[in-house]
Amino acid sequence: MDEMERAEDDFALKKLVDAVENQIREGHPREAGTVLIELTNQGVPAAEAIQRMAEVLAANIAATFENDKPFDINTYARDLIGLTEKN
């Protein structure tokens, strides 16, 4: 991976993290806040938990484009909850 690709990936990850932090702050979906609490209760550092949640958001966004369908907030919420079950 060259420097430009790395910079683009870092930028995209930052935007995804920002989006997750906004979801937690706004309480929508409500699962975002509860998953953060549960992961931190399981011993996952908050920054790492938010990064994992951002990866779930990225996967759901990618699926939206791949399937040419609207973003499914219910699937996203379910996938977030799945993070707590893997630890």
N, C-alpha and C. Protein backbone atom coordinates (compact mmCIF):
# COMPACT_ATOMS: atom_id res chain seq x y z
N MET A 1 0.86 -1.18 0.00
CA MET A 1 0.00 0.00 0.00
C MET A 1 0.90 1.23 0.00
N ASP A 2 0.64 2.13 -0.92
CA ASP A 2 1.48 3.32 -0.97
C ASP A 2 0.97 4.39 0.01
N GLU A 3 1.73 5.46 0.11
CA GLU A 3 1.43 6.50 1.09
C GLU A 3 0.06 7.15 0.85
N MET A 4 -0.30 7.34 -0.40
CA MET A 4 -1.59 7.97 -0.73
C MET A 4 -2.75 7.06 -0.31
N GLU A 5 -2.65 5.77 -0.60
CA GLU A 5 -3.70 4.84 -0.20
C GLU A 5 -3.82 4.78 1.32
N ARG A 6 -2.71 4.79 2.01
CA ARG A 6 -2.72 4.76 3.47
C ARG A 6 -3.39 6.01 4.02
N ALA A 7 -3.09 7.16 3.43
CA ALA A 7 -3.71 8.42 3.86
C ALA A 7 -5.22 8.40 3.62
N GLU A 8 -5.63 7.84 2.47
CA GLU A 8 -7.06 7.74 2.17
C GLU A 8 -7.76 6.80 3.15
N ASP A 9 -7.12 5.68 3.47
CA ASP A 9 -7.70 4.74 4.43
C ASP A 9 -7.81 5.37 5.82
N ASP A 10 -6.77 6.10 6.22
CA ASP A 10 -6.80 6.77 7.53
C ASP A 10 -7.91 7.81 7.58
N PHE A 11 -8.08 8.55 6.48
CA PHE A 11 -9.14 9.56 6.41
C PHE A 11 -10.51 8.91 6.51
N ALA A 12 -10.70 7.82 5.75
CA ALA A 12 -12.00 7.12 5.77
C ALA A 12 -12.29 6.57 7.16
N LEU A 13 -11.30 5.98 7.80
CA LEU A 13 -11.50 5.44 9.14
C LEU A 13 -11.86 6.55 10.12
N LYS A 14 -11.19 7.70 10.00
CA LYS A 14 -11.51 8.83 10.89
C LYS A 14 -12.95 9.26 10.71
N LYS A 15 -13.43 9.32 9.47
CA LYS A 15 -14.81 9.72 9.21
C LYS A 15 -15.79 8.69 9.77
N LEU A 16 -15.46 7.41 9.66
CA LEU A 16 -16.31 6.36 10.22
C LEU A 16 -16.34 6.44 11.74
N VAL A 17 -15.20 6.68 12.34
CA VAL A 17 -15.13 6.84 13.80
C VAL A 17 -15.97 8.04 14.22
N ASP A 18 -15.84 9.15 13.48
CA ASP A 18 -16.66 10.34 13.77
C ASP A 18 -18.14 10.01 13.70
N ALA A 19 -18.53 9.23 12.69
CA ALA A 19 -19.94 8.87 12.53
C ALA A 19 -20.42 8.04 13.71
N VAL A 20 -19.61 7.08 14.14
CA VAL A 20 -19.99 6.24 15.29
C VAL A 20 -20.08 7.09 16.55
N GLU A 21 -19.14 7.98 16.75
CA GLU A 21 -19.19 8.86 17.93
C GLU A 21 -20.45 9.72 17.91
N ASN A 22 -20.84 10.20 16.74
CA ASN A 22 -22.09 10.96 16.62
C ASN A 22 -23.30 10.09 16.94
N GLN A 23 -23.30 8.85 16.48
CA GLN A 23 -24.41 7.94 16.78
C GLN A 23 -24.53 7.73 18.29
N ILE A 24 -23.40 7.56 18.94
CA ILE A 24 -23.42 7.35 20.39
C ILE A 24 -23.96 8.60 21.08
N ARG A 25 -23.47 9.75 20.67
CA ARG A 25 -23.89 11.02 21.27
C ARG A 25 -25.38 11.29 21.06
N GLU A 26 -25.87 10.99 19.84
CA GLU A 26 -27.27 11.26 19.49
C GLU A 26 -28.22 10.15 19.92
N GLY A 27 -27.68 8.98 20.26
CA GLY A 27 -28.52 7.88 20.69
C GLY A 27 -29.26 7.18 19.56
N HIS A 28 -28.72 7.30 18.34
CA HIS A 28 -29.37 6.64 17.20
C HIS A 28 -28.32 6.02 16.30
N PRO A 29 -28.32 4.74 16.10
CA PRO A 29 -29.23 3.81 16.77
C PRO A 29 -28.84 3.65 18.25
N ARG A 30 -29.80 3.36 19.05
CA ARG A 30 -29.54 3.25 20.49
C ARG A 30 -28.54 2.16 20.81
N GLU A 31 -28.45 1.17 19.93
CA GLU A 31 -27.51 0.06 20.14
C GLU A 31 -26.06 0.55 20.17
N ALA A 32 -25.77 1.66 19.50
CA ALA A 32 -24.40 2.17 19.46
C ALA A 32 -23.90 2.45 20.88
N GLY A 33 -24.69 3.13 21.66
CA GLY A 33 -24.29 3.44 23.03
C GLY A 33 -24.22 2.21 23.90
N THR A 34 -25.19 1.32 23.77
CA THR A 34 -25.19 0.13 24.62
C THR A 34 -24.04 -0.81 24.27
N VAL A 35 -23.71 -0.88 22.99
CA VAL A 35 -22.59 -1.74 22.58
C VAL A 35 -21.28 -1.16 23.11
N LEU A 36 -21.10 0.15 23.04
CA LEU A 36 -19.89 0.76 23.59
C LEU A 36 -19.77 0.44 25.08
N ILE A 37 -20.84 0.60 25.81
CA ILE A 37 -20.82 0.31 27.25
C ILE A 37 -20.48 -1.16 27.48
N GLU A 38 -21.12 -2.05 26.74
CA GLU A 38 -20.88 -3.48 26.94
C GLU A 38 -19.44 -3.86 26.60
N LEU A 39 -18.92 -3.34 25.51
CA LEU A 39 -17.54 -3.66 25.14
C LEU A 39 -16.55 -3.14 26.19
N THR A 40 -16.77 -1.93 26.67
CA THR A 40 -15.87 -1.40 27.70
C THR A 40 -16.01 -2.19 29.00
N ASN A 41 -17.21 -2.65 29.30
CA ASN A 41 -17.41 -3.51 30.48
C ASN A 41 -16.67 -4.83 30.33
N GLN A 42 -16.49 -5.27 29.09
CA GLN A 42 -15.77 -6.51 28.82
C GLN A 42 -14.25 -6.29 28.81
N GLY A 43 -13.84 -5.03 29.03
CA GLY A 43 -12.41 -4.75 29.10
C GLY A 43 -11.80 -4.19 27.83
N VAL A 44 -12.61 -3.94 26.83
CA VAL A 44 -12.10 -3.37 25.59
C VAL A 44 -11.95 -1.86 25.80
N PRO A 45 -10.77 -1.31 25.51
CA PRO A 45 -10.62 0.14 25.62
C PRO A 45 -11.62 0.86 24.71
N ALA A 46 -12.12 2.00 25.17
CA ALA A 46 -13.15 2.73 24.43
C ALA A 46 -12.74 3.03 22.99
N ALA A 47 -11.50 3.47 22.79
CA ALA A 47 -11.06 3.81 21.43
C ALA A 47 -11.08 2.58 20.53
N GLU A 48 -10.68 1.44 21.07
CA GLU A 48 -10.71 0.20 20.29
C GLU A 48 -12.15 -0.22 20.00
N ALA A 49 -13.02 -0.08 20.99
CA ALA A 49 -14.42 -0.44 20.79
C ALA A 49 -15.04 0.41 19.68
N ILE A 50 -14.76 1.70 19.71
CA ILE A 50 -15.31 2.59 18.67
C ILE A 50 -14.73 2.23 17.31
N GLN A 51 -13.47 1.86 17.26
CA GLN A 51 -12.89 1.46 15.98
C GLN A 51 -13.56 0.18 15.46
N ARG A 52 -13.81 -0.77 16.34
CA ARG A 52 -14.51 -1.99 15.91
C ARG A 52 -15.90 -1.65 15.38
N MET A 53 -16.56 -0.73 16.07
CA MET A 53 -17.90 -0.32 15.63
C MET A 53 -17.82 0.38 14.29
N ALA A 54 -16.77 1.17 14.05
CA ALA A 54 -16.58 1.84 12.77
C ALA A 54 -16.36 0.81 11.65
N GLU A 55 -15.68 -0.28 11.97
CA GLU A 55 -15.48 -1.34 10.98
C GLU A 55 -16.80 -2.00 10.61
N VAL A 56 -17.69 -2.16 11.59
CA VAL A 56 -19.02 -2.70 11.33
C VAL A 56 -19.80 -1.73 10.44
N LEU A 57 -19.71 -0.45 10.74
CA LEU A 57 -20.38 0.55 9.90
C LEU A 57 -19.84 0.49 8.47
N ALA A 58 -18.54 0.39 8.32
CA ALA A 58 -17.93 0.30 6.98
C ALA A 58 -18.45 -0.91 6.22
N ALA A 59 -18.53 -2.05 6.89
CA ALA A 59 -19.02 -3.27 6.24
C ALA A 59 -20.47 -3.10 5.80
N ASN A 60 -21.27 -2.45 6.63
CA ASN A 60 -22.68 -2.24 6.29
C ASN A 60 -22.83 -1.25 5.14
N ILE A 61 -21.99 -0.24 5.10
CA ILE A 61 -22.01 0.71 3.99
C ILE A 61 -21.60 -0.01 2.70
N ALA A 62 -20.56 -0.81 2.78
CA ALA A 62 -20.10 -1.57 1.61
C ALA A 62 -21.21 -2.49 1.10
N ALA A 63 -21.90 -3.16 2.01
CA ALA A 63 -22.99 -4.05 1.61
C ALA A 63 -24.11 -3.28 0.92
N THR A 64 -24.34 -2.06 1.38
CA THR A 64 -25.36 -1.22 0.77
C THR A 64 -25.03 -0.97 -0.70
N PHE A 65 -23.77 -0.64 -0.97
CA PHE A 65 -23.36 -0.38 -2.35
C PHE A 65 -23.35 -1.66 -3.18
N GLU A 66 -22.86 -2.75 -2.59
CA GLU A 66 -22.79 -4.02 -3.31
C GLU A 66 -24.17 -4.52 -3.71
N ASN A 67 -25.14 -4.34 -2.82
CA ASN A 67 -26.48 -4.85 -3.06
C ASN A 67 -27.41 -3.82 -3.70
N ASP A 68 -26.90 -2.60 -3.87
CA ASP A 68 -27.67 -1.51 -4.46
C ASP A 68 -29.02 -1.35 -3.76
N LYS A 69 -28.94 -1.34 -2.42
CA LYS A 69 -30.14 -1.18 -1.59
C LYS A 69 -29.88 -0.07 -0.57
N PRO A 70 -30.94 0.48 -0.01
CA PRO A 70 -30.76 1.50 1.04
C PRO A 70 -30.07 0.91 2.27
N PHE A 71 -29.41 1.78 3.02
CA PHE A 71 -28.76 1.37 4.25
C PHE A 71 -29.82 0.81 5.19
N ASP A 72 -29.55 -0.37 5.75
CA ASP A 72 -30.50 -1.03 6.65
C ASP A 72 -30.04 -0.84 8.10
N ILE A 73 -30.66 0.10 8.78
CA ILE A 73 -30.28 0.42 10.15
C ILE A 73 -30.47 -0.76 11.09
N ASN A 74 -31.47 -1.60 10.82
CA ASN A 74 -31.72 -2.76 11.68
C ASN A 74 -30.61 -3.80 11.55
N THR A 75 -30.14 -4.02 10.34
CA THR A 75 -29.02 -4.95 10.13
C THR A 75 -27.77 -4.40 10.79
N TYR A 76 -27.54 -3.11 10.63
CA TYR A 76 -26.39 -2.46 11.26
C TYR A 76 -26.45 -2.62 12.78
N ALA A 77 -27.61 -2.35 13.37
CA ALA A 77 -27.77 -2.48 14.81
C ALA A 77 -27.51 -3.92 15.25
N ARG A 78 -28.03 -4.87 14.51
CA ARG A 78 -27.81 -6.29 14.84
C ARG A 78 -26.32 -6.64 14.77
N ASP A 79 -25.64 -6.12 13.75
CA ASP A 79 -24.22 -6.39 13.61
C ASP A 79 -23.42 -5.74 14.74
N LEU A 80 -23.84 -4.56 15.18
CA LEU A 80 -23.17 -3.94 16.33
C LEU A 80 -23.30 -4.83 17.56
N ILE A 81 -24.50 -5.31 17.81
CA ILE A 81 -24.73 -6.18 18.96
C ILE A 81 -23.85 -7.43 18.87
N GLY A 82 -23.65 -7.90 17.64
CA GLY A 82 -22.79 -9.06 17.43
C GLY A 82 -21.37 -8.86 17.95
N LEU A 83 -20.91 -7.63 17.99
CA LEU A 83 -19.58 -7.35 18.53
C LEU A 83 -19.47 -7.77 19.99
N THR A 84 -20.54 -7.62 20.73
CA THR A 84 -20.51 -7.94 22.16
C THR A 84 -20.51 -9.44 22.38
N GLU A 85 -20.96 -10.19 21.42
CA GLU A 85 -21.04 -11.64 21.55
C GLU A 85 -19.74 -12.33 21.17
N LYS A 86 -18.84 -11.61 20.51
CA LYS A 86 -17.58 -12.19 20.06
C LYS A 86 -16.49 -12.09 21.10
N ASN A 87 -16.76 -11.38 22.17
CA ASN A 87 -15.72 -11.17 23.19
C ASN A 87 -15.93 -12.04 24.40
